[in-house]
């Protein structure tokens, strides 16, 4: 079992930056692929970014490419999402996720954090 706890959300102006963190505990974090998802009001949860167990592979939703960066520090059992050039449409609850493999497609994530709100004002 893996427990995930997000932090770092809040209110930011358009064009600003926010860094989300996700602290993992439980099973060996370093063997798991990790990711970030988000859910805006009235919309389904969507994949934002994913990173492999070594950090060598990363994937992003098209709308965040060039603005968001996913990373991980296995020594600290933590993953991050650096979000730059934020837009009002990035407003959502952001969820940390993990799966029991070294690389996962968006449908394969099966561990979830509670979520952290990010609100981008125009």
PDB file of N, CA and C in Angstrom:
ATOM      1  N   UNK A   1       0.838  -1.187   0.000  1.00  0.00           N
ATOM      2  CA  UNK A   1       0.000   0.000   0.000  1.00  0.00           C
ATOM      3  C   UNK A   1       0.872   1.236   0.000  1.00  0.00           C
ATOM      4  N   UNK A   2       0.417   2.268  -0.692  1.00  0.00           N
ATOM      5  CA  UNK A   2       1.138   3.528  -0.772  1.00  0.00           C
ATOM      6  C   UNK A   2       0.207   4.641  -0.308  1.00  0.00           C
ATOM      7  N   UNK A   3       0.695   5.482   0.566  1.00  0.00           N
ATOM      8  CA  UNK A   3      -0.062   6.653   1.001  1.00  0.00           C
ATOM      9  C   UNK A   3       0.570   7.895   0.382  1.00  0.00           C
ATOM     10  N   UNK A   4      -0.287   8.763  -0.139  1.00  0.00           N
ATOM     11  CA  UNK A   4       0.176   9.956  -0.844  1.00  0.00           C
ATOM     12  C   UNK A   4      -0.474  11.197  -0.237  1.00  0.00           C
ATOM     13  N   UNK A   5       0.344  12.204   0.028  1.00  0.00           N
ATOM     14  CA  UNK A   5      -0.172  13.443   0.614  1.00  0.00           C
ATOM     15  C   UNK A   5       0.374  14.620  -0.175  1.00  0.00           C
ATOM     16  N   UNK A   6      -0.533  15.380  -0.777  1.00  0.00           N
ATOM     17  CA  UNK A   6      -0.136  16.544  -1.569  1.00  0.00           C
ATOM     18  C   UNK A   6      -0.041  17.795  -0.697  1.00  0.00           C
ATOM     19  N   UNK A   7       0.753  18.736  -1.169  1.00  0.00           N
ATOM     20  CA  UNK A   7       0.824  20.055  -0.545  1.00  0.00           C
ATOM     21  C   UNK A   7       1.275  21.065  -1.585  1.00  0.00           C
ATOM     22  N   UNK A   8       1.072  22.350  -1.277  1.00  0.00           N
ATOM     23  CA  UNK A   8       1.587  23.403  -2.144  1.00  0.00           C
ATOM     24  C   UNK A   8       0.555  24.125  -2.969  1.00  0.00           C
ATOM     25  N   UNK A   9      -0.693  23.722  -2.903  1.00  0.00           N
ATOM     26  CA  UNK A   9      -1.716  24.418  -3.676  1.00  0.00           C
ATOM     27  C   UNK A   9      -2.033  25.784  -3.093  1.00  0.00           C
ATOM     28  N   UNK A  10      -2.875  26.535  -3.783  1.00  0.00           N
ATOM     29  CA  UNK A  10      -3.265  27.849  -3.298  1.00  0.00           C
ATOM     30  C   UNK A  10      -3.795  28.725  -4.410  1.00  0.00           C
ATOM     31  N   UNK A  11      -3.848  30.014  -4.118  1.00  0.00           N
ATOM     32  CA  UNK A  11      -4.333  31.000  -5.071  1.00  0.00           C
ATOM     33  C   UNK A  11      -3.154  31.722  -5.703  1.00  0.00           C
ATOM     34  N   UNK A  12      -3.157  31.828  -7.021  1.00  0.00           N
ATOM     35  CA  UNK A  12      -2.064  32.481  -7.735  1.00  0.00           C
ATOM     36  C   UNK A  12      -2.646  33.265  -8.904  1.00  0.00           C
ATOM     37  N   UNK A  13      -1.989  34.344  -9.269  1.00  0.00           N
ATOM     38  CA  UNK A  13      -2.436  35.129 -10.411  1.00  0.00           C
ATOM     39  C   UNK A  13      -1.992  34.487 -11.720  1.00  0.00           C
ATOM     40  N   UNK A  14      -2.733  34.743 -12.756  1.00  0.00           N
ATOM     41  CA  UNK A  14      -2.361  34.254 -14.085  1.00  0.00           C
ATOM     42  C   UNK A  14      -0.946  34.706 -14.420  1.00  0.00           C
ATOM     43  N   UNK A  15      -0.185  33.783 -14.993  1.00  0.00           N
ATOM     44  CA  UNK A  15       1.206  34.053 -15.298  1.00  0.00           C
ATOM     45  C   UNK A  15       2.163  33.677 -14.187  1.00  0.00           C
ATOM     46  N   UNK A  16       1.631  33.372 -13.031  1.00  0.00           N
ATOM     47  CA  UNK A  16       2.446  33.019 -11.878  1.00  0.00           C
ATOM     48  C   UNK A  16       2.852  31.556 -11.868  1.00  0.00           C
ATOM     49  N   UNK A  17       3.491  31.166 -10.760  1.00  0.00           N
ATOM     50  CA  UNK A  17       4.020  29.808 -10.625  1.00  0.00           C
ATOM     51  C   UNK A  17       3.632  29.220  -9.285  1.00  0.00           C
ATOM     52  N   UNK A  18       3.523  27.909  -9.280  1.00  0.00           N
ATOM     53  CA  UNK A  18       3.246  27.146  -8.069  1.00  0.00           C
ATOM     54  C   UNK A  18       3.993  25.822  -8.175  1.00  0.00           C
ATOM     55  N   UNK A  19       4.512  25.350  -7.049  1.00  0.00           N
ATOM     56  CA  UNK A  19       5.105  24.009  -7.034  1.00  0.00           C
ATOM     57  C   UNK A  19       4.321  23.132  -6.071  1.00  0.00           C
ATOM     58  N   UNK A  20       3.820  22.038  -6.604  1.00  0.00           N
ATOM     59  CA  UNK A  20       3.122  21.053  -5.784  1.00  0.00           C
ATOM     60  C   UNK A  20       4.105  19.965  -5.362  1.00  0.00           C
ATOM     61  N   UNK A  21       3.897  19.453  -4.170  1.00  0.00           N
ATOM     62  CA  UNK A  21       4.695  18.342  -3.664  1.00  0.00           C
ATOM     63  C   UNK A  21       3.773  17.197  -3.294  1.00  0.00           C
ATOM     64  N   UNK A  22       4.293  16.006  -3.369  1.00  0.00           N
ATOM     65  CA  UNK A  22       3.552  14.814  -2.968  1.00  0.00           C
ATOM     66  C   UNK A  22       4.490  13.910  -2.179  1.00  0.00           C
ATOM     67  N   UNK A  23       4.201  13.753  -0.903  1.00  0.00           N
ATOM     68  CA  UNK A  23       4.993  12.886  -0.037  1.00  0.00           C
ATOM     69  C   UNK A  23       4.386  11.494  -0.028  1.00  0.00           C
ATOM     70  N   UNK A  24       5.217  10.492  -0.297  1.00  0.00           N
ATOM     71  CA  UNK A  24       4.750   9.115  -0.354  1.00  0.00           C
ATOM     72  C   UNK A  24       5.278   8.328   0.835  1.00  0.00           C
ATOM     73  N   UNK A  25       4.480   7.420   1.313  1.00  0.00           N
ATOM     74  CA  UNK A  25       4.903   6.516   2.380  1.00  0.00           C
ATOM     75  C   UNK A  25       4.280   5.154   2.121  1.00  0.00           C
ATOM     76  N   UNK A  26       4.799   4.149   2.785  1.00  0.00           N
ATOM     77  CA  UNK A  26       4.277   2.807   2.577  1.00  0.00           C
ATOM     78  C   UNK A  26       5.298   1.957   1.852  1.00  0.00           C
ATOM     79  N   UNK A  27       4.896   1.383   0.749  1.00  0.00           N
ATOM     80  CA  UNK A  27       5.793   0.523  -0.009  1.00  0.00           C
ATOM     81  C   UNK A  27       6.921   1.327  -0.645  1.00  0.00           C
ATOM     82  N   UNK A  28       7.841   0.626  -1.251  1.00  0.00           N
ATOM     83  CA  UNK A  28       9.050   1.255  -1.784  1.00  0.00           C
ATOM     84  C   UNK A  28       8.687   2.245  -2.889  1.00  0.00           C
ATOM     85  N   UNK A  29       8.741   3.500  -2.543  1.00  0.00           N
ATOM     86  CA  UNK A  29       8.373   4.571  -3.465  1.00  0.00           C
ATOM     87  C   UNK A  29       9.204   4.537  -4.731  1.00  0.00           C
ATOM     88  N   UNK A  30      10.462   4.210  -4.610  1.00  0.00           N
ATOM     89  CA  UNK A  30      11.367   4.308  -5.748  1.00  0.00           C
ATOM     90  C   UNK A  30      11.028   3.327  -6.856  1.00  0.00           C
ATOM     91  N   UNK A  31      10.241   2.286  -6.576  1.00  0.00           N
ATOM     92  CA  UNK A  31       9.876   1.305  -7.596  1.00  0.00           C
ATOM     93  C   UNK A  31       8.598   1.653  -8.351  1.00  0.00           C
ATOM     94  N   UNK A  32       7.977   2.761  -8.005  1.00  0.00           N
ATOM     95  CA  UNK A  32       6.678   3.106  -8.550  1.00  0.00           C
ATOM     96  C   UNK A  32       6.769   4.261  -9.540  1.00  0.00           C
ATOM     97  N   UNK A  33       6.015   4.154 -10.628  1.00  0.00           N
ATOM     98  CA  UNK A  33       5.778   5.324 -11.467  1.00  0.00           C
ATOM     99  C   UNK A  33       4.832   6.267 -10.726  1.00  0.00           C
ATOM    100  N   UNK A  34       4.980   7.551 -10.972  1.00  0.00           N
ATOM    101  CA  UNK A  34       4.175   8.551 -10.278  1.00  0.00           C
ATOM    102  C   UNK A  34       3.545   9.487 -11.302  1.00  0.00           C
ATOM    103  N   UNK A  35       2.509  10.162 -10.882  1.00  0.00           N
ATOM    104  CA  UNK A  35       1.862  11.089 -11.805  1.00  0.00           C
ATOM    105  C   UNK A  35       1.058  12.147 -11.097  1.00  0.00           C
ATOM    106  N   UNK A  36       0.563  13.072 -11.892  1.00  0.00           N
ATOM    107  CA  UNK A  36      -0.353  14.122 -11.420  1.00  0.00           C
ATOM    108  C   UNK A  36      -1.577  14.153 -12.333  1.00  0.00           C
ATOM    109  N   UNK A  37      -2.727  14.285 -11.707  1.00  0.00           N
ATOM    110  CA  UNK A  37      -3.990  14.450 -12.401  1.00  0.00           C
ATOM    111  C   UNK A  37      -4.660  15.703 -11.855  1.00  0.00           C
ATOM    112  N   UNK A  38      -5.685  16.164 -12.556  1.00  0.00           N
ATOM    113  CA  UNK A  38      -6.450  17.300 -12.039  1.00  0.00           C
ATOM    114  C   UNK A  38      -7.909  17.155 -12.413  1.00  0.00           C
ATOM    115  N   UNK A  39      -8.741  17.802 -11.612  1.00  0.00           N
ATOM    116  CA  UNK A  39     -10.176  17.799 -11.878  1.00  0.00           C
ATOM    117  C   UNK A  39     -10.722  19.198 -11.643  1.00  0.00           C
ATOM    118  N   UNK A  40     -11.232  19.788 -12.699  1.00  0.00           N
ATOM    119  CA  UNK A  40     -11.854  21.105 -12.619  1.00  0.00           C
ATOM    120  C   UNK A  40     -13.342  20.940 -12.317  1.00  0.00           C
ATOM    121  N   UNK A  41     -13.992  21.954 -11.778  1.00  0.00           N
ATOM    122  CA  UNK A  41     -15.417  21.854 -11.465  1.00  0.00           C
ATOM    123  C   UNK A  41     -16.239  21.472 -12.693  1.00  0.00           C
ATOM    124  N   UNK A  42     -17.070  20.467 -12.533  1.00  0.00           N
ATOM    125  CA  UNK A  42     -17.941  20.041 -13.613  1.00  0.00           C
ATOM    126  C   UNK A  42     -17.268  19.223 -14.692  1.00  0.00           C
ATOM    127  N   UNK A  43     -15.999  18.891 -14.491  1.00  0.00           N
ATOM    128  CA  UNK A  43     -15.272  18.120 -15.504  1.00  0.00           C
ATOM    129  C   UNK A  43     -14.737  16.831 -14.917  1.00  0.00           C
ATOM    130  N   UNK A  44     -14.378  15.923 -15.780  1.00  0.00           N
ATOM    131  CA  UNK A  44     -13.792  14.664 -15.340  1.00  0.00           C
ATOM    132  C   UNK A  44     -12.317  14.870 -14.982  1.00  0.00           C
ATOM    133  N   UNK A  45     -11.826  13.994 -14.137  1.00  0.00           N
ATOM    134  CA  UNK A  45     -10.409  14.044 -13.793  1.00  0.00           C
ATOM    135  C   UNK A  45      -9.575  13.723 -15.034  1.00  0.00           C
ATOM    136  N   UNK A  46      -8.495  14.453 -15.228  1.00  0.00           N
ATOM    137  CA  UNK A  46      -7.660  14.269 -16.406  1.00  0.00           C
ATOM    138  C   UNK A  46      -6.190  14.137 -16.022  1.00  0.00           C
ATOM    139  N   UNK A  47      -5.477  13.412 -16.838  1.00  0.00           N
ATOM    140  CA  UNK A  47      -4.038  13.221 -16.667  1.00  0.00           C
ATOM    141  C   UNK A  47      -3.310  14.530 -16.957  1.00  0.00           C
ATOM    142  N   UNK A  48      -2.333  14.854 -16.126  1.00  0.00           N
ATOM    143  CA  UNK A  48      -1.515  16.048 -16.334  1.00  0.00           C
ATOM    144  C   UNK A  48      -0.087  15.672 -16.709  1.00  0.00           C
ATOM    145  N   UNK A  49       0.536  14.801 -15.914  1.00  0.00           N
ATOM    146  CA  UNK A  49       1.932  14.439 -16.154  1.00  0.00           C
ATOM    147  C   UNK A  49       2.248  13.137 -15.454  1.00  0.00           C
ATOM    148  N   UNK A  50       3.244  12.417 -15.999  1.00  0.00           N
ATOM    149  CA  UNK A  50       3.682  11.167 -15.392  1.00  0.00           C
ATOM    150  C   UNK A  50       5.194  11.044 -15.474  1.00  0.00           C
ATOM    151  N   UNK A  51       5.756  10.292 -14.535  1.00  0.00           N
ATOM    152  CA  UNK A  51       7.198  10.094 -14.491  1.00  0.00           C
ATOM    153  C   UNK A  51       7.490   8.653 -14.114  1.00  0.00           C
ATOM    154  N   UNK A  52       8.487   8.065 -14.754  1.00  0.00           N
ATOM    155  CA  UNK A  52       8.837   6.675 -14.502  1.00  0.00           C
ATOM    156  C   UNK A  52       9.582   6.530 -13.182  1.00  0.00           C
ATOM    157  N   UNK A  53       9.834   5.286 -12.802  1.00  0.00           N
ATOM    158  CA  UNK A  53      10.444   5.019 -11.497  1.00  0.00           C
ATOM    159  C   UNK A  53      11.844   5.607 -11.365  1.00  0.00           C
ATOM    160  N   UNK A  54      12.562   5.698 -12.458  1.00  0.00           N
ATOM    161  CA  UNK A  54      13.900   6.289 -12.396  1.00  0.00           C
ATOM    162  C   UNK A  54      13.883   7.784 -12.687  1.00  0.00           C
ATOM    163  N   UNK A  55      12.770   8.272 -13.193  1.00  0.00           N
ATOM    164  CA  UNK A  55      12.707   9.665 -13.606  1.00  0.00           C
ATOM    165  C   UNK A  55      13.182   9.904 -15.026  1.00  0.00           C
ATOM    166  N   UNK A  56      13.576   8.845 -15.712  1.00  0.00           N
ATOM    167  CA  UNK A  56      14.137   9.010 -17.058  1.00  0.00           C
ATOM    168  C   UNK A  56      13.060   9.215 -18.117  1.00  0.00           C
ATOM    169  N   UNK A  57      11.835   8.764 -17.832  1.00  0.00           N
ATOM    170  CA  UNK A  57      10.730   8.944 -18.767  1.00  0.00           C
ATOM    171  C   UNK A  57       9.694   9.878 -18.156  1.00  0.00           C
ATOM    172  N   UNK A  58       9.213  10.801 -18.976  1.00  0.00           N
ATOM    173  CA  UNK A  58       8.183  11.722 -18.516  1.00  0.00           C
ATOM    174  C   UNK A  58       7.176  11.914 -19.643  1.00  0.00           C
ATOM    175  N   UNK A  59       5.946  12.154 -19.274  1.00  0.00           N
ATOM    176  CA  UNK A  59       4.924  12.462 -20.274  1.00  0.00           C
ATOM    177  C   UNK A  59       4.033  13.573 -19.736  1.00  0.00           C
ATOM    178  N   UNK A  60       3.466  14.345 -20.650  1.00  0.00           N
ATOM    179  CA  UNK A  60       2.638  15.492 -20.281  1.00  0.00           C
ATOM    180  C   UNK A  60       1.404  15.580 -21.163  1.00  0.00           C
ATOM    181  N   UNK A  61       0.349  16.099 -20.580  1.00  0.00           N
ATOM    182  CA  UNK A  61      -0.803  16.480 -21.378  1.00  0.00           C
ATOM    183  C   UNK A  61      -0.368  17.638 -22.283  1.00  0.00           C
ATOM    184  N   UNK A  62      -0.902  17.673 -23.490  1.00  0.00           N
ATOM    185  CA  UNK A  62      -0.473  18.686 -24.460  1.00  0.00           C
ATOM    186  C   UNK A  62      -0.633  20.107 -23.935  1.00  0.00           C
ATOM    187  N   UNK A  63      -1.690  20.361 -23.181  1.00  0.00           N
ATOM    188  CA  UNK A  63      -1.979  21.732 -22.762  1.00  0.00           C
ATOM    189  C   UNK A  63      -0.987  22.258 -21.726  1.00  0.00           C
ATOM    190  N   UNK A  64      -0.188  21.392 -21.124  1.00  0.00           N
ATOM    191  CA  UNK A  64       0.765  21.850 -20.104  1.00  0.00           C
ATOM    192  C   UNK A  64       2.211  21.722 -20.541  1.00  0.00           C
ATOM    193  N   UNK A  65       2.450  21.149 -21.703  1.00  0.00           N
ATOM    194  CA  UNK A  65       3.822  20.986 -22.190  1.00  0.00           C
ATOM    195  C   UNK A  65       4.504  22.346 -22.305  1.00  0.00           C
ATOM    196  N   UNK A  66       5.728  22.398 -21.818  1.00  0.00           N
ATOM    197  CA  UNK A  66       6.481  23.645 -21.845  1.00  0.00           C
ATOM    198  C   UNK A  66       6.200  24.566 -20.672  1.00  0.00           C
ATOM    199  N   UNK A  67       5.162  24.270 -19.905  1.00  0.00           N
ATOM    200  CA  UNK A  67       4.825  25.100 -18.737  1.00  0.00           C
ATOM    201  C   UNK A  67       4.987  24.336 -17.422  1.00  0.00           C
ATOM    202  N   UNK A  68       4.662  23.048 -17.422  1.00  0.00           N
ATOM    203  CA  UNK A  68       4.733  22.229 -16.215  1.00  0.00           C
ATOM    204  C   UNK A  68       5.921  21.272 -16.314  1.00  0.00           C
ATOM    205  N   UNK A  69       6.517  20.980 -15.164  1.00  0.00           N
ATOM    206  CA  UNK A  69       7.610  20.013 -15.096  1.00  0.00           C
ATOM    207  C   UNK A  69       7.377  19.079 -13.925  1.00  0.00           C
ATOM    208  N   UNK A  70       7.381  17.780 -14.215  1.00  0.00           N
ATOM    209  CA  UNK A  70       7.256  16.772 -13.169  1.00  0.00           C
ATOM    210  C   UNK A  70       8.642  16.263 -12.817  1.00  0.00           C
ATOM    211  N   UNK A  71       8.860  16.018 -11.531  1.00  0.00           N
ATOM    212  CA  UNK A  71      10.151  15.492 -11.089  1.00  0.00           C
ATOM    213  C   UNK A  71       9.935  14.670  -9.826  1.00  0.00           C
ATOM    214  N   UNK A  72      10.975  13.958  -9.419  1.00  0.00           N
ATOM    215  CA  UNK A  72      10.882  13.154  -8.208  1.00  0.00           C
ATOM    216  C   UNK A  72      12.225  13.111  -7.514  1.00  0.00           C
ATOM    217  N   UNK A  73      12.168  12.945  -6.213  1.00  0.00           N
ATOM    218  CA  UNK A  73      13.355  12.765  -5.381  1.00  0.00           C
ATOM    219  C   UNK A  73      13.107  11.511  -4.556  1.00  0.00           C
ATOM    220  N   UNK A  74      13.643  10.383  -5.032  1.00  0.00           N
ATOM    221  CA  UNK A  74      13.371   9.121  -4.353  1.00  0.00           C
ATOM    222  C   UNK A  74      13.983   9.087  -2.957  1.00  0.00           C
ATOM    223  N   UNK A  75      15.051   9.818  -2.748  1.00  0.00           N
ATOM    224  CA  UNK A  75      15.659   9.872  -1.423  1.00  0.00           C
ATOM    225  C   UNK A  75      14.738  10.499  -0.397  1.00  0.00           C
ATOM    226  N   UNK A  76      13.874  11.397  -0.858  1.00  0.00           N
ATOM    227  CA  UNK A  76      12.917  12.063   0.016  1.00  0.00           C
ATOM    228  C   UNK A  76      11.513  11.485  -0.131  1.00  0.00           C
ATOM    229  N   UNK A  77      11.356  10.456  -0.950  1.00  0.00           N
ATOM    230  CA  UNK A  77      10.032   9.866  -1.199  1.00  0.00           C
ATOM    231  C   UNK A  77       9.023  10.931  -1.617  1.00  0.00           C
ATOM    232  N   UNK A  78       9.439  11.802  -2.499  1.00  0.00           N
ATOM    233  CA  UNK A  78       8.597  12.940  -2.864  1.00  0.00           C
ATOM    234  C   UNK A  78       8.621  13.160  -4.367  1.00  0.00           C
ATOM    235  N   UNK A  79       7.477  13.510  -4.922  1.00  0.00           N
ATOM    236  CA  UNK A  79       7.438  13.950  -6.302  1.00  0.00           C
ATOM    237  C   UNK A  79       6.924  15.388  -6.324  1.00  0.00           C
ATOM    238  N   UNK A  80       7.204  16.062  -7.426  1.00  0.00           N
ATOM    239  CA  UNK A  80       6.885  17.484  -7.539  1.00  0.00           C
ATOM    240  C   UNK A  80       6.212  17.774  -8.880  1.00  0.00           C
ATOM    241  N   UNK A  81       5.461  18.846  -8.896  1.00  0.00           N
ATOM    242  CA  UNK A  81       4.941  19.385 -10.146  1.00  0.00           C
ATOM    243  C   UNK A  81       5.177  20.890 -10.117  1.00  0.00           C
ATOM    244  N   UNK A  82       6.139  21.339 -10.896  1.00  0.00           N
ATOM    245  CA  UNK A  82       6.410  22.762 -11.027  1.00  0.00           C
ATOM    246  C   UNK A  82       5.522  23.308 -12.132  1.00  0.00           C
ATOM    247  N   UNK A  83       4.702  24.275 -11.789  1.00  0.00           N
ATOM    248  CA  UNK A  83       3.738  24.825 -12.742  1.00  0.00           C
ATOM    249  C   UNK A  83       4.057  26.297 -12.967  1.00  0.00           C
ATOM    250  N   UNK A  84       4.429  26.628 -14.177  1.00  0.00           N
ATOM    251  CA  UNK A  84       4.759  28.003 -14.551  1.00  0.00           C
ATOM    252  C   UNK A  84       3.760  28.534 -15.575  1.00  0.00           C
ATOM    253  N   UNK A  85       3.765  29.849 -15.760  1.00  0.00           N
ATOM    254  CA  UNK A  85       2.877  30.496 -16.740  1.00  0.00           C
ATOM    255  C   UNK A  85       1.439  30.009 -16.586  1.00  0.00           C
ATOM    256  N   UNK A  86       0.973  30.013 -15.372  1.00  0.00           N
ATOM    257  CA  UNK A  86      -0.355  29.468 -15.085  1.00  0.00           C
ATOM    258  C   UNK A  86      -1.456  30.287 -15.740  1.00  0.00           C
ATOM    259  N   UNK A  87      -2.498  29.584 -16.128  1.00  0.00           N
ATOM    260  CA  UNK A  87      -3.669  30.181 -16.782  1.00  0.00           C
ATOM    261  C   UNK A  87      -4.915  29.893 -15.941  1.00  0.00           C
ATOM    262  N   UNK A  88      -5.937  30.712 -16.071  1.00  0.00           N
ATOM    263  CA  UNK A  88      -7.177  30.433 -15.319  1.00  0.00           C
ATOM    264  C   UNK A  88      -7.724  29.039 -15.586  1.00  0.00           C
ATOM    265  N   UNK A  89      -7.531  28.524 -16.787  1.00  0.00           N
ATOM    266  CA  UNK A  89      -8.020  27.177 -17.106  1.00  0.00           C
ATOM    267  C   UNK A  89      -7.235  26.070 -16.423  1.00  0.00           C
ATOM    268  N   UNK A  90      -6.156  26.408 -15.756  1.00  0.00           N
ATOM    269  CA  UNK A  90      -5.426  25.426 -14.950  1.00  0.00           C
ATOM    270  C   UNK A  90      -6.053  25.246 -13.563  1.00  0.00           C
ATOM    271  N   UNK A  91      -7.043  26.057 -13.250  1.00  0.00           N
ATOM    272  CA  UNK A  91      -7.718  25.949 -11.959  1.00  0.00           C
ATOM    273  C   UNK A  91      -8.362  24.576 -11.808  1.00  0.00           C
ATOM    274  N   UNK A  92      -8.025  23.884 -10.735  1.00  0.00           N
ATOM    275  CA  UNK A  92      -8.530  22.527 -10.517  1.00  0.00           C
ATOM    276  C   UNK A  92      -8.031  22.017  -9.171  1.00  0.00           C
ATOM    277  N   UNK A  93      -8.582  20.887  -8.765  1.00  0.00           N
ATOM    278  CA  UNK A  93      -7.975  20.120  -7.683  1.00  0.00           C
ATOM    279  C   UNK A  93      -6.946  19.193  -8.316  1.00  0.00           C
ATOM    280  N   UNK A  94      -5.735  19.254  -7.819  1.00  0.00           N
ATOM    281  CA  UNK A  94      -4.642  18.451  -8.356  1.00  0.00           C
ATOM    282  C   UNK A  94      -4.389  17.251  -7.444  1.00  0.00           C
ATOM    283  N   UNK A  95      -4.298  16.073  -8.073  1.00  0.00           N
ATOM    284  CA  UNK A  95      -4.127  14.827  -7.343  1.00  0.00           C
ATOM    285  C   UNK A  95      -2.792  14.181  -7.687  1.00  0.00           C
ATOM    286  N   UNK A  96      -2.104  13.755  -6.668  1.00  0.00           N
ATOM    287  CA  UNK A  96      -0.922  12.924  -6.825  1.00  0.00           C
ATOM    288  C   UNK A  96      -1.378  11.478  -7.020  1.00  0.00           C
ATOM    289  N   UNK A  97      -0.662  10.742  -7.850  1.00  0.00           N
ATOM    290  CA  UNK A  97      -1.045   9.360  -8.122  1.00  0.00           C
ATOM    291  C   UNK A  97       0.193   8.489  -8.255  1.00  0.00           C
ATOM    292  N   UNK A  98      -0.002   7.196  -8.037  1.00  0.00           N
ATOM    293  CA  UNK A  98       1.070   6.221  -8.194  1.00  0.00           C
ATOM    294  C   UNK A  98       0.491   4.920  -8.726  1.00  0.00           C
ATOM    295  N   UNK A  99       1.344   4.111  -9.304  1.00  0.00           N
ATOM    296  CA  UNK A  99       0.911   2.790  -9.752  1.00  0.00           C
ATOM    297  C   UNK A  99       2.009   1.796  -9.420  1.00  0.00           C
ATOM    298  N   UNK A 100       1.663   0.536  -9.421  1.00  0.00           N
ATOM    299  CA  UNK A 100       2.594  -0.492  -8.979  1.00  0.00           C
ATOM    300  C   UNK A 100       3.524  -0.990 -10.046  1.00  0.00           C
ATOM    301  N   UNK A 101       3.895  -0.136 -10.972  1.00  0.00           N
ATOM    302  CA  UNK A 101       4.807  -0.498 -12.051  1.00  0.00           C
ATOM    303  C   UNK A 101       5.821   0.613 -12.247  1.00  0.00           C
ATOM    304  N   UNK A 102       6.829   0.323 -13.039  1.00  0.00           N
ATOM    305  CA  UNK A 102       7.886   1.300 -13.246  1.00  0.00           C
ATOM    306  C   UNK A 102       7.501   2.374 -14.261  1.00  0.00           C
ATOM    307  N   UNK A 103       6.470   2.100 -15.048  1.00  0.00           N
ATOM    308  CA  UNK A 103       5.921   3.087 -15.982  1.00  0.00           C
ATOM    309  C   UNK A 103       4.459   2.741 -16.197  1.00  0.00           C
ATOM    310  N   UNK A 104       3.600   3.714 -16.221  1.00  0.00           N
ATOM    311  CA  UNK A 104       2.170   3.452 -16.326  1.00  0.00           C
ATOM    312  C   UNK A 104       1.499   4.378 -17.327  1.00  0.00           C
ATOM    313  N   UNK A 105       0.495   3.848 -17.989  1.00  0.00           N
ATOM    314  CA  UNK A 105      -0.383   4.701 -18.779  1.00  0.00           C
ATOM    315  C   UNK A 105      -1.353   5.387 -17.821  1.00  0.00           C
ATOM    316  N   UNK A 106      -2.007   6.463 -18.261  1.00  0.00           N
ATOM    317  CA  UNK A 106      -2.918   7.168 -17.344  1.00  0.00           C
ATOM    318  C   UNK A 106      -3.988   6.274 -16.722  1.00  0.00           C
ATOM    319  N   UNK A 107      -4.430   5.257 -17.436  1.00  0.00           N
ATOM    320  CA  UNK A 107      -5.486   4.383 -16.919  1.00  0.00           C
ATOM    321  C   UNK A 107      -4.996   3.423 -15.838  1.00  0.00           C
ATOM    322  N   UNK A 108      -3.692   3.297 -15.655  1.00  0.00           N
ATOM    323  CA  UNK A 108      -3.144   2.282 -14.759  1.00  0.00           C
ATOM    324  C   UNK A 108      -2.864   2.793 -13.353  1.00  0.00           C
ATOM    325  N   UNK A 109      -3.013   4.084 -13.116  1.00  0.00           N
ATOM    326  CA  UNK A 109      -2.744   4.604 -11.783  1.00  0.00           C
ATOM    327  C   UNK A 109      -3.831   4.117 -10.818  1.00  0.00           C
ATOM    328  N   UNK A 110      -3.399   3.628  -9.658  1.00  0.00           N
ATOM    329  CA  UNK A 110      -4.377   3.060  -8.734  1.00  0.00           C
ATOM    330  C   UNK A 110      -4.184   3.491  -7.290  1.00  0.00           C
ATOM    331  N   UNK A 111      -3.248   4.382  -7.030  1.00  0.00           N
ATOM    332  CA  UNK A 111      -3.103   4.978  -5.705  1.00  0.00           C
ATOM    333  C   UNK A 111      -3.283   6.478  -5.858  1.00  0.00           C
ATOM    334  N   UNK A 112      -4.026   7.069  -4.917  1.00  0.00           N
ATOM    335  CA  UNK A 112      -4.389   8.478  -5.064  1.00  0.00           C
ATOM    336  C   UNK A 112      -4.224   9.237  -3.756  1.00  0.00           C
ATOM    337  N   UNK A 113      -3.818  10.491  -3.886  1.00  0.00           N
ATOM    338  CA  UNK A 113      -3.820  11.377  -2.744  1.00  0.00           C
ATOM    339  C   UNK A 113      -5.181  12.027  -2.606  1.00  0.00           C
ATOM    340  N   UNK A 114      -5.309  12.889  -1.601  1.00  0.00           N
ATOM    341  CA  UNK A 114      -6.582  13.545  -1.322  1.00  0.00           C
ATOM    342  C   UNK A 114      -6.820  14.755  -2.219  1.00  0.00           C
ATOM    343  N   UNK A 115      -5.797  15.287  -2.785  1.00  0.00           N
ATOM    344  CA  UNK A 115      -5.939  16.428  -3.678  1.00  0.00           C
ATOM    345  C   UNK A 115      -5.608  17.746  -3.016  1.00  0.00           C
ATOM    346  N   UNK A 116      -5.154  18.696  -3.821  1.00  0.00           N
ATOM    347  CA  UNK A 116      -4.875  20.045  -3.339  1.00  0.00           C
ATOM    348  C   UNK A 116      -5.396  21.043  -4.374  1.00  0.00           C
ATOM    349  N   UNK A 117      -6.063  22.080  -3.896  1.00  0.00           N
ATOM    350  CA  UNK A 117      -6.693  23.039  -4.786  1.00  0.00           C
ATOM    351  C   UNK A 117      -5.679  24.042  -5.312  1.00  0.00           C
ATOM    352  N   UNK A 118      -5.724  24.261  -6.615  1.00  0.00           N
ATOM    353  CA  UNK A 118      -4.965  25.340  -7.247  1.00  0.00           C
ATOM    354  C   UNK A 118      -5.967  26.239  -7.964  1.00  0.00           C
ATOM    355  N   UNK A 119      -5.966  27.515  -7.610  1.00  0.00           N
ATOM    356  CA  UNK A 119      -6.862  28.472  -8.220  1.00  0.00           C
ATOM    357  C   UNK A 119      -6.047  29.573  -8.877  1.00  0.00           C
ATOM    358  N   UNK A 120      -6.267  29.780 -10.167  1.00  0.00           N
ATOM    359  CA  UNK A 120      -5.536  30.790 -10.918  1.00  0.00           C
ATOM    360  C   UNK A 120      -6.506  31.919 -11.265  1.00  0.00           C
ATOM    361  N   UNK A 121      -6.227  33.096 -10.758  1.00  0.00           N
ATOM    362  CA  UNK A 121      -7.105  34.244 -11.010  1.00  0.00           C
ATOM    363  C   UNK A 121      -6.631  35.024 -12.229  1.00  0.00           C
ATOM    364  N   UNK A 122      -7.588  35.585 -12.939  1.00  0.00           N
ATOM    365  CA  UNK A 122      -7.246  36.322 -14.162  1.00  0.00           C
ATOM    366  C   UNK A 122      -7.011  37.801 -13.864  1.00  0.00           C
TER     367      UNK A 122
END
